[in-house]
Amino acid sequence: MAILYFSDILKKVGLDPKKVKLIRHALSDKGFKKCADRGKIYEYTCHQKKDFSKGYDYWVVFISGKGTLAQLYAIYKVGDCVSDTPDMMPEGMPDIEAYTGKYAIYDLERLDILKEYEGKLTIDWGTSARMWHQKGTTEKPIISIMPDEKKVFMGYEDVLLSYDQLKEIVDNKEIYEAWHVALKSVNAIYLIVDTETGKQYVGSAYGEDGLFGRWCCYVNSHHGHNKKMKELICYYPERYHAFQFSILQILPKTIITEDIVKIENKWKARLLSKKFGMNDN
């Protein structure tokens, strides 16, 4: 018999379960899986029916586990919504559902009130797994809370790392195994920002080890063999500690190099990283 339910956790952090909607995304759903693989869980979650959040101020999102288990992913405060017209379709979303104006795109603000438990807290969703969204008052037994020994990868859209944080991830495979697997499994367009000046560098990552392999190059060389970054570090040898790494767009491993370069060039044009940043071509 369970002695602790997720509704108890909600009350503990000051949320009224009656104002909370629970959402369980299933990895067995091919559409959601495609979005998850591209780092588009947030965008997928935002796209709902126009009355989906009626009566609810918060959404708590879980990702399916084995059987009826589900792992805490994020808590969002629900804002306004707009019609899902074709021009509102997020870039990089797989073509799994139409944006025709019939549904809505909600503005969701991610909350940190249970951040330390994201990816660690597991509930039993129950036998009604087909009911993928339910009331926060529905009793969901807490099954387990993972210890901190291993660092959980929280999603591509949340990657925002300093050089020192990236080095820690690269150098500690046992602790950051989930990060290694996730970063190796995708190609990507990434962004490096010199936080001292705000200058940006747009790069692309592809090959056997995907994004992980490319970022390892920066950890080992400090400049990734990029001309302007080399020059900067030549004048300021410790400057690489000010570099911030993030992901602009996740790309599938099946994409050809020619298409990756085209996408990379579009990002360079958008961010003017040739004119004002650290890209030299």
Protein backbone atom coordinates (compact mmCIF):
# COMPACT_ATOMS: atom_id res chain seq x y z
CA MET A 1 0.00 0.00 0.00
CA ALA A 2 1.40 3.36 -1.01
CA ILE A 3 2.00 5.89 1.76
CA LEU A 4 3.10 8.80 -0.46
CA TYR A 5 1.32 10.12 -3.54
CA PHE A 6 2.34 12.75 -6.06
CA SER A 7 -0.56 14.94 -4.93
CA ASP A 8 1.18 15.08 -1.53
CA ILE A 9 4.30 16.41 -3.27
CA LEU A 10 2.25 19.09 -5.04
CA LYS A 11 0.79 20.28 -1.76
CA LYS A 12 4.25 20.31 -0.20
CA VAL A 13 5.54 22.77 -2.81
CA GLY A 14 2.46 24.98 -2.56
CA LEU A 15 0.44 23.85 -5.58
CA ASP A 16 -3.26 23.03 -5.35
CA PRO A 17 -3.71 19.61 -7.02
CA LYS A 18 -7.11 20.78 -8.26
CA LYS A 19 -5.34 23.38 -10.41
CA VAL A 20 -2.82 20.89 -11.80
CA LYS A 21 -3.11 18.71 -14.89
CA LEU A 22 -0.92 15.61 -15.10
CA ILE A 23 0.39 14.65 -18.56
CA ARG A 24 2.09 11.40 -19.49
CA HIS A 25 3.94 11.33 -22.82
CA ALA A 26 4.48 7.79 -24.05
CA LEU A 27 7.70 6.85 -25.81
CA SER A 28 5.69 4.10 -27.53
CA ASP A 29 3.88 6.87 -29.42
CA LYS A 30 5.82 7.26 -32.67
CA GLY A 31 4.94 10.93 -33.02
CA PHE A 32 6.14 11.83 -29.55
CA LYS A 33 9.25 9.68 -29.94
CA LYS A 34 10.22 11.62 -33.08
CA CYS A 35 9.81 14.89 -31.19
CA ALA A 36 11.78 13.63 -28.21
CA ASP A 37 14.61 12.51 -30.49
CA ARG A 38 14.78 16.02 -31.94
CA GLY A 39 14.67 17.73 -28.55
CA LYS A 40 11.16 19.05 -29.14
CA ILE A 41 9.34 17.80 -26.03
CA TYR A 42 8.43 21.35 -24.99
CA GLU A 43 7.02 22.21 -28.43
CA TYR A 44 5.09 18.92 -28.54
CA THR A 45 3.60 19.62 -25.11
CA CYS A 46 2.54 23.17 -26.04
CA HIS A 47 0.34 21.97 -28.91
CA GLN A 48 -3.06 21.01 -27.48
CA LYS A 49 -6.80 21.53 -27.91
CA LYS A 50 -8.04 25.07 -27.28
CA ASP A 51 -9.87 24.12 -24.07
CA PHE A 52 -7.20 21.67 -22.88
CA SER A 53 -6.15 23.79 -19.89
CA LYS A 54 -9.57 25.03 -18.85
CA GLY A 55 -9.62 25.07 -15.06
CA TYR A 56 -5.90 24.31 -14.75
CA ASP A 57 -3.02 26.68 -14.02
CA TYR A 58 -0.18 24.16 -14.09
CA TRP A 59 0.86 21.14 -16.13
CA VAL A 60 3.13 18.45 -14.74
CA VAL A 61 4.72 16.40 -17.50
CA PHE A 62 5.91 12.81 -17.14
CA ILE A 63 7.68 10.52 -19.61
CA SER A 64 6.62 6.89 -19.79
CA GLY A 65 8.80 4.16 -18.29
CA LYS A 66 8.38 0.41 -18.07
CA GLY A 67 4.81 -0.77 -17.86
CA THR A 68 2.67 1.87 -16.17
CA LEU A 69 5.59 3.77 -14.64
CA ALA A 70 6.30 7.39 -15.53
CA GLN A 71 9.23 9.68 -14.72
CA LEU A 72 8.89 13.36 -13.83
CA TYR A 73 10.08 15.58 -16.69
CA ALA A 74 8.96 19.15 -15.91
CA ILE A 75 6.41 21.43 -14.27
CA TYR A 76 4.97 24.31 -16.28
CA LYS A 77 2.87 27.32 -15.39
CA VAL A 78 0.29 27.83 -18.13
CA GLY A 79 0.05 31.20 -19.84
CA ASP A 80 -1.95 32.42 -22.81
CA CYS A 81 -2.49 30.46 -26.00
CA VAL A 82 -2.66 31.31 -29.69
CA SER A 83 -4.18 29.53 -32.64
CA ASP A 84 -1.97 26.87 -34.25
CA THR A 85 -1.89 28.44 -37.70
CA PRO A 86 0.65 27.00 -40.18
CA ASP A 87 3.07 29.90 -39.63
CA MET A 88 3.24 29.03 -35.91
CA MET A 89 4.69 25.56 -36.45
CA PRO A 90 8.07 25.44 -34.63
CA GLU A 91 11.12 24.99 -36.79
CA GLY A 92 12.55 21.51 -36.69
CA MET A 93 9.30 19.81 -35.67
CA PRO A 94 8.72 16.47 -37.40
CA ASP A 95 5.70 16.39 -39.68
CA ILE A 96 3.50 14.40 -37.29
CA GLU A 97 0.48 16.63 -36.90
CA ALA A 98 -1.04 19.53 -38.80
CA TYR A 99 -1.03 23.14 -37.68
CA THR A 100 -4.32 24.29 -39.19
CA GLY A 101 -5.76 26.74 -36.66
CA LYS A 102 -8.06 24.13 -35.12
CA TYR A 103 -5.88 23.64 -32.03
CA ALA A 104 -3.81 25.96 -29.83
CA ILE A 105 -0.21 26.61 -28.87
CA TYR A 106 0.17 27.37 -25.18
CA ASP A 107 2.80 29.57 -23.60
CA LEU A 108 4.39 27.45 -20.87
CA GLU A 109 6.80 28.73 -18.24
CA ARG A 110 9.02 26.03 -16.78
CA LEU A 111 9.16 26.10 -12.98
CA ASP A 112 12.09 25.00 -10.84
CA ILE A 113 10.14 23.99 -7.73
CA LEU A 114 10.82 20.28 -8.31
CA LYS A 115 13.86 20.63 -10.55
CA GLU A 116 16.03 18.47 -8.28
CA TYR A 117 13.59 15.59 -8.82
CA GLU A 118 13.23 15.90 -12.60
CA GLY A 119 14.33 12.67 -14.22
CA LYS A 120 14.57 11.02 -10.80
CA LEU A 121 11.04 10.80 -9.39
CA THR A 122 8.98 7.88 -10.70
CA ILE A 123 5.25 7.37 -10.20
CA ASP A 124 2.86 4.60 -11.11
CA TRP A 125 0.47 6.14 -13.64
CA GLY A 126 -1.96 3.29 -13.09
CA THR A 127 -3.81 0.88 -15.33
CA SER A 128 -5.54 3.64 -17.31
CA ALA A 129 -2.39 4.42 -19.32
CA ARG A 130 -4.49 5.40 -22.34
CA MET A 131 -5.76 8.36 -20.33
CA TRP A 132 -2.61 10.37 -20.98
CA HIS A 133 -3.80 13.49 -19.16
CA GLN A 134 -5.51 13.39 -15.79
CA LYS A 135 -6.37 15.56 -12.81
CA GLY A 136 -3.69 16.44 -10.26
CA THR A 137 -5.97 15.10 -7.57
CA THR A 138 -5.71 11.60 -9.02
CA GLU A 139 -3.63 9.51 -6.62
CA LYS A 140 -0.34 8.50 -8.24
CA PRO A 141 1.88 6.46 -5.91
CA ILE A 142 5.53 7.52 -5.64
CA ILE A 143 7.51 4.44 -6.65
CA SER A 144 11.10 5.67 -6.38
CA ILE A 145 13.42 8.66 -6.29
CA MET A 146 16.79 8.06 -7.90
CA PRO A 147 19.92 9.05 -5.99
CA ASP A 148 22.36 11.62 -7.35
CA GLU A 149 25.17 9.23 -8.26
CA LYS A 150 24.43 9.48 -11.96
CA LYS A 151 23.44 12.69 -13.69
CA VAL A 152 20.25 12.46 -15.72
CA PHE A 153 20.16 14.06 -19.16
CA MET A 154 17.27 16.51 -19.02
CA GLY A 155 16.68 17.19 -22.72
CA TYR A 156 18.39 18.91 -25.61
CA GLU A 157 16.37 22.11 -25.25
CA ASP A 158 17.77 22.62 -21.74
CA VAL A 159 21.45 22.24 -22.61
CA LEU A 160 23.28 25.41 -21.55
CA LEU A 161 26.84 24.71 -20.43
CA SER A 162 29.94 26.64 -19.56
CA TYR A 163 33.23 25.25 -20.83
CA ASP A 164 34.02 23.93 -17.35
CA GLN A 165 30.65 22.17 -17.09
CA LEU A 166 31.13 20.62 -20.53
CA LYS A 167 34.60 19.41 -19.57
CA GLU A 168 33.19 17.79 -16.44
CA ILE A 169 30.60 15.94 -18.53
CA VAL A 170 33.17 14.77 -21.10
CA ASP A 171 35.70 13.66 -18.49
CA ASN A 172 33.28 11.75 -16.25
CA LYS A 173 31.61 9.12 -18.40
CA GLU A 174 30.43 6.95 -15.50
CA ILE A 175 28.52 9.79 -13.86
CA TYR A 176 27.33 11.43 -17.09
CA GLU A 177 26.67 8.29 -19.11
CA ALA A 178 23.17 9.46 -20.07
CA TRP A 179 24.66 12.73 -21.39
CA HIS A 180 27.23 10.86 -23.47
CA VAL A 181 24.57 8.63 -25.01
CA ALA A 182 22.21 11.53 -25.75
CA LEU A 183 24.83 13.81 -27.31
CA LYS A 184 26.30 10.99 -29.41
CA SER A 185 22.90 10.03 -30.79
CA VAL A 186 22.22 13.27 -32.68
CA ASN A 187 23.75 15.65 -35.17
CA ALA A 188 23.17 19.31 -34.39
CA ILE A 189 23.67 22.98 -35.06
CA TYR A 190 25.23 24.46 -31.93
CA LEU A 191 26.07 27.88 -30.58
CA ILE A 192 29.14 29.02 -28.65
CA VAL A 193 29.03 32.45 -27.02
CA ASP A 194 31.99 34.32 -25.60
CA THR A 195 30.30 35.59 -22.45
CA GLU A 196 32.92 38.32 -22.08
CA THR A 197 31.95 40.04 -25.34
CA GLY A 198 28.71 38.39 -26.49
CA LYS A 199 30.29 37.31 -29.78
CA GLN A 200 28.76 34.16 -31.20
CA TYR A 201 30.00 31.16 -33.13
CA VAL A 202 27.63 28.87 -35.02
CA GLY A 203 28.87 25.37 -35.77
CA SER A 204 27.59 22.03 -36.97
CA ALA A 205 28.19 18.58 -35.54
CA TYR A 206 27.93 15.32 -37.47
CA GLY A 207 29.69 12.01 -37.79
CA GLU A 208 29.82 8.82 -35.78
CA ASP A 209 29.80 10.48 -32.35
CA GLY A 210 27.54 13.35 -33.37
CA LEU A 211 27.40 16.40 -31.14
CA PHE A 212 29.40 14.73 -28.38
CA GLY A 213 32.35 14.11 -30.70
CA ARG A 214 32.44 17.71 -31.88
CA TRP A 215 32.18 19.19 -28.40
CA CYS A 216 34.95 16.88 -27.19
CA CYS A 217 37.17 18.69 -29.69
CA TYR A 218 36.53 21.98 -27.89
CA VAL A 219 37.27 20.42 -24.52
CA ASN A 220 40.59 19.05 -25.77
CA SER A 221 41.76 21.97 -27.95
CA HIS A 222 39.86 24.87 -26.32
CA HIS A 223 39.08 26.35 -29.76
CA GLY A 224 37.79 23.48 -31.91
CA HIS A 225 40.37 24.47 -34.58
CA ASN A 226 38.30 27.52 -35.52
CA LYS A 227 40.41 30.41 -36.83
CA LYS A 228 38.93 33.33 -34.90
CA MET A 229 38.65 31.34 -31.69
CA LYS A 230 42.30 30.32 -32.05
CA GLU A 231 43.27 33.97 -32.44
CA LEU A 232 41.23 34.96 -29.40
CA ILE A 233 42.83 32.31 -27.20
CA CYS A 234 46.27 33.27 -28.51
CA TYR A 235 45.74 36.77 -27.07
CA TYR A 236 43.77 35.63 -24.01
CA PRO A 237 44.95 32.07 -23.13
CA GLU A 238 42.29 31.49 -20.45
CA ARG A 239 39.38 32.92 -22.44
CA TYR A 240 37.90 29.53 -23.28
CA HIS A 241 36.61 29.34 -19.70
CA ALA A 242 34.14 32.08 -20.70
CA PHE A 243 32.65 30.05 -23.56
CA GLN A 244 29.01 28.99 -23.24
CA PHE A 245 27.64 26.03 -25.21
CA SER A 246 24.04 25.48 -26.30
CA ILE A 247 22.06 23.76 -29.06
CA LEU A 248 20.24 25.67 -31.78
CA GLN A 249 18.76 22.73 -33.67
CA ILE A 250 18.81 18.96 -33.38
CA LEU A 251 19.31 17.06 -36.64
CA PRO A 252 18.77 13.34 -37.32
CA LYS A 253 21.78 11.08 -37.88
CA THR A 254 20.39 10.21 -41.31
CA ILE A 255 20.71 13.74 -42.72
CA ILE A 256 23.35 14.25 -45.42
CA THR A 257 26.29 16.59 -44.87
CA GLU A 258 25.22 18.94 -47.67
CA ASP A 259 21.89 19.62 -45.93
CA ILE A 260 23.60 20.13 -42.57
CA VAL A 261 25.84 22.82 -44.09
CA LYS A 262 22.81 24.58 -45.61
CA ILE A 263 21.05 24.66 -42.24
CA GLU A 264 24.23 25.85 -40.53
CA ASN A 265 24.56 28.72 -43.00
CA LYS A 266 20.97 29.79 -42.34
CA TRP A 267 21.73 30.07 -38.64
CA LYS A 268 24.88 32.08 -39.36
CA ALA A 269 22.80 34.48 -41.45
CA ARG A 270 20.12 34.81 -38.78
CA LEU A 271 22.57 35.51 -35.99
CA LEU A 272 25.00 37.56 -38.12
CA SER A 273 27.81 35.50 -36.65
CA LYS A 274 30.07 36.20 -39.65
CA LYS A 275 29.71 39.96 -39.48
CA PHE A 276 29.69 40.40 -35.72
CA GLY A 277 30.72 37.04 -34.31
CA MET A 278 33.46 34.44 -34.46
CA ASN A 279 32.58 32.70 -37.74
CA ASP A 280 35.02 33.43 -40.54
CA ASN A 281 33.23 31.54 -43.31
